[in-house]
Amino acid sequence: MRQAGAPSAEVRSRRRAALTDLILDVFRLNGVLLASGDALVADLGLTSARWQVLGAIALAPAPLPVAHLARTMGLTRQAVQRSVDELRADGLVRLEPNPHHRRAALVRMTEPGEAAYRAASRRQETWADALAADLPPEIIEAADGLLRALRARLAGPDPSPATAPDTLETC
């Protein structure tokens, strides 16, 4: 017997299948986005990963240490550290002393880093305009809202609801 207000087995099955399809499409989209981003900024000496780090630095209200950038980006500290090391070797970022933590230096863009980020951002605007052509803004906004809601649920206090006991009664 189903609890009052609980979705039917058919609805749960449809929801589960739709979410699985969405997750697989997001995985595929991620790969295509990374490849497109790499191609878009390659001649600027950037990759999608390096561009993403520059973006996190640019959007931060103040210089941050690598660990904080990583948390903001939803990535591992090691992955961000690798990109920061590459960006630093190419003169696109520099490390500055952190008055709050001796070992966790603050990451700041250099002038060449800021120039590369601005150039990448201009290209991204043109690319985004072409990609979004003929798509109603409401659909894009709804998709963004759904992805944010899923991310919030996964980052919540119980990110693995599959481990929760089944609350439906069985016959």
Protein backbone atom coordinates (compact mmCIF):
# COMPACT_ATOMS: atom_id res chain seq x y z
CA MET A 1 0.00 0.00 0.00
CA ARG A 2 1.19 3.45 -0.90
CA GLN A 3 1.40 6.24 1.69
CA ALA A 4 -1.03 9.09 1.10
CA GLY A 5 0.51 11.71 -1.15
CA ALA A 6 3.42 9.48 -2.16
CA PRO A 7 4.04 9.15 -5.90
CA SER A 8 3.00 5.97 -7.65
CA ALA A 9 5.54 3.37 -8.74
CA GLU A 10 5.03 4.52 -12.33
CA VAL A 11 5.82 8.15 -11.43
CA ARG A 12 8.89 7.11 -9.41
CA SER A 13 10.10 4.93 -12.29
CA ARG A 14 9.59 7.71 -14.84
CA ARG A 15 11.32 10.24 -12.57
CA ARG A 16 14.26 7.86 -11.97
CA ALA A 17 14.66 7.16 -15.71
CA ALA A 18 14.47 10.86 -16.59
CA LEU A 19 17.05 11.76 -13.94
CA THR A 20 19.39 9.00 -15.10
CA ASP A 21 19.09 10.23 -18.69
CA LEU A 22 19.76 13.79 -17.53
CA ILE A 23 22.86 12.74 -15.57
CA LEU A 24 24.24 10.85 -18.56
CA ASP A 25 23.58 13.86 -20.80
CA VAL A 26 25.35 16.15 -18.29
CA PHE A 27 28.38 13.83 -18.35
CA ARG A 28 28.41 13.97 -22.16
CA LEU A 29 27.86 17.72 -22.16
CA ASN A 30 30.77 18.17 -19.75
CA GLY A 31 33.10 16.42 -22.18
CA VAL A 32 31.89 18.48 -25.13
CA LEU A 33 32.08 21.73 -23.12
CA LEU A 34 35.66 21.00 -22.06
CA ALA A 35 36.70 20.22 -25.63
CA SER A 36 34.93 23.34 -26.95
CA GLY A 37 36.48 25.49 -24.24
CA ASP A 38 39.93 24.08 -24.94
CA ALA A 39 39.55 24.92 -28.65
CA LEU A 40 38.18 28.39 -27.87
CA VAL A 41 41.14 29.48 -25.72
CA ALA A 42 44.06 27.31 -26.87
CA ASP A 43 45.86 30.14 -28.66
CA LEU A 44 45.66 32.21 -25.45
CA GLY A 45 47.78 29.58 -23.69
CA LEU A 46 44.76 28.32 -21.74
CA THR A 47 42.78 25.13 -21.34
CA SER A 48 39.26 24.88 -20.01
CA ALA A 49 40.67 23.93 -16.60
CA ARG A 50 43.07 26.85 -16.48
CA TRP A 51 40.40 29.23 -17.75
CA GLN A 52 38.03 28.00 -15.04
CA VAL A 53 40.65 28.74 -12.36
CA LEU A 54 41.23 32.22 -13.77
CA GLY A 55 37.47 32.74 -13.67
CA ALA A 56 37.28 31.73 -10.02
CA ILE A 57 40.10 34.14 -9.22
CA ALA A 58 38.46 36.93 -11.22
CA LEU A 59 35.07 36.44 -9.55
CA ALA A 60 36.44 36.22 -6.01
CA PRO A 61 35.98 39.41 -3.96
CA ALA A 62 39.61 39.15 -2.76
CA PRO A 63 42.62 36.91 -3.42
CA LEU A 64 42.04 33.40 -2.05
CA PRO A 65 44.22 30.39 -1.27
CA VAL A 66 44.06 27.35 -3.55
CA ALA A 67 41.93 25.32 -1.10
CA HIS A 68 39.28 28.05 -0.98
CA LEU A 69 39.28 28.39 -4.78
CA ALA A 70 38.84 24.61 -5.04
CA ARG A 71 35.85 24.64 -2.67
CA THR A 72 34.28 27.49 -4.62
CA MET A 73 34.76 25.58 -7.88
CA GLY A 74 33.61 22.22 -6.52
CA LEU A 75 36.97 20.65 -7.41
CA THR A 76 39.75 18.99 -5.47
CA ARG A 77 42.53 21.11 -4.05
CA GLN A 78 45.03 19.00 -5.97
CA ALA A 79 43.38 19.67 -9.33
CA VAL A 80 43.27 23.41 -8.71
CA GLN A 81 46.84 23.40 -7.38
CA ARG A 82 48.02 21.74 -10.60
CA SER A 83 46.32 24.44 -12.70
CA VAL A 84 47.65 27.22 -10.46
CA ASP A 85 51.18 25.80 -10.77
CA GLU A 86 50.86 25.80 -14.58
CA LEU A 87 49.38 29.30 -14.64
CA ARG A 88 52.15 30.52 -12.36
CA ALA A 89 54.85 28.96 -14.55
CA ASP A 90 53.35 30.82 -17.51
CA GLY A 91 53.22 34.11 -15.59
CA LEU A 92 49.42 34.32 -15.53
CA VAL A 93 49.08 34.20 -11.72
CA ARG A 94 51.33 34.90 -8.78
CA LEU A 95 51.28 33.76 -5.19
CA GLU A 96 51.29 36.30 -2.39
CA PRO A 97 51.76 35.89 1.34
CA ASN A 98 48.58 35.17 3.27
CA PRO A 99 48.45 37.18 6.51
CA HIS A 100 46.05 34.59 7.97
CA HIS A 101 48.00 31.43 7.10
CA ARG A 102 51.72 31.14 6.44
CA ARG A 103 51.54 28.08 4.21
CA ALA A 104 48.37 28.85 2.23
CA ALA A 105 49.48 31.59 -0.17
CA LEU A 106 46.92 33.80 -1.87
CA VAL A 107 46.50 33.45 -5.64
CA ARG A 108 46.28 36.64 -7.70
CA MET A 109 46.15 37.16 -11.46
CA THR A 110 49.00 39.03 -13.09
CA GLU A 111 48.40 41.60 -15.84
CA PRO A 112 49.00 38.96 -18.54
CA GLY A 113 46.57 36.66 -16.69
CA GLU A 114 43.93 39.38 -16.58
CA ALA A 115 44.43 40.04 -20.30
CA ALA A 116 44.08 36.35 -21.14
CA TYR A 117 40.96 36.08 -18.98
CA ARG A 118 39.37 39.16 -20.61
CA ALA A 119 40.14 37.80 -24.10
CA ALA A 120 38.67 34.40 -23.17
CA SER A 121 35.57 36.08 -21.73
CA ARG A 122 34.99 38.09 -24.92
CA ARG A 123 35.23 34.90 -26.98
CA GLN A 124 32.90 33.10 -24.60
CA GLU A 125 30.26 35.82 -25.01
CA THR A 126 30.26 35.40 -28.81
CA TRP A 127 30.27 31.60 -28.46
CA ALA A 128 27.40 31.69 -25.93
CA ASP A 129 25.34 33.99 -28.17
CA ALA A 130 25.70 31.53 -31.06
CA LEU A 131 25.00 28.48 -28.88
CA ALA A 132 21.91 30.01 -27.27
CA ALA A 133 20.48 31.45 -30.51
CA ASP A 134 16.77 30.67 -30.84
CA LEU A 135 16.55 29.18 -27.32
CA PRO A 136 14.04 30.99 -25.10
CA PRO A 137 15.78 32.42 -22.01
CA GLU A 138 13.11 30.79 -19.82
CA ILE A 139 14.21 27.31 -20.89
CA ILE A 140 17.85 28.08 -20.16
CA GLU A 141 16.91 29.58 -16.78
CA ALA A 142 14.76 26.54 -15.92
CA ALA A 143 17.60 24.16 -16.83
CA ASP A 144 19.99 26.18 -14.67
CA GLY A 145 17.52 26.06 -11.79
CA LEU A 146 17.18 22.31 -12.06
CA LEU A 147 20.96 21.78 -12.13
CA ARG A 148 21.39 24.07 -9.11
CA ALA A 149 18.68 22.19 -7.20
CA LEU A 150 20.30 18.83 -7.93
CA ARG A 151 23.72 20.17 -6.93
CA ALA A 152 22.28 21.51 -3.66
CA ARG A 153 20.67 18.16 -2.88
CA LEU A 154 23.91 16.32 -3.57
CA ALA A 155 25.87 18.75 -1.41
CA GLY A 156 23.28 18.64 1.39
CA PRO A 157 23.46 16.83 4.71
CA ASP A 158 22.50 13.48 3.11
CA PRO A 159 24.06 13.46 -0.36
CA SER A 160 23.20 9.80 -0.89
CA PRO A 161 19.45 9.44 -0.46
CA ALA A 162 19.71 5.90 -1.86
CA THR A 163 21.03 4.81 1.53
CA ALA A 164 17.87 6.01 3.30
CA PRO A 165 15.40 3.30 4.27
CA ASP A 166 12.42 2.89 1.99
CA THR A 167 9.51 4.78 3.49
CA LEU A 168 6.84 3.08 1.39
CA GLU A 169 4.87 0.22 2.80
CA THR A 170 4.88 -2.99 0.83
CA CYS A 171 2.03 -5.49 0.55
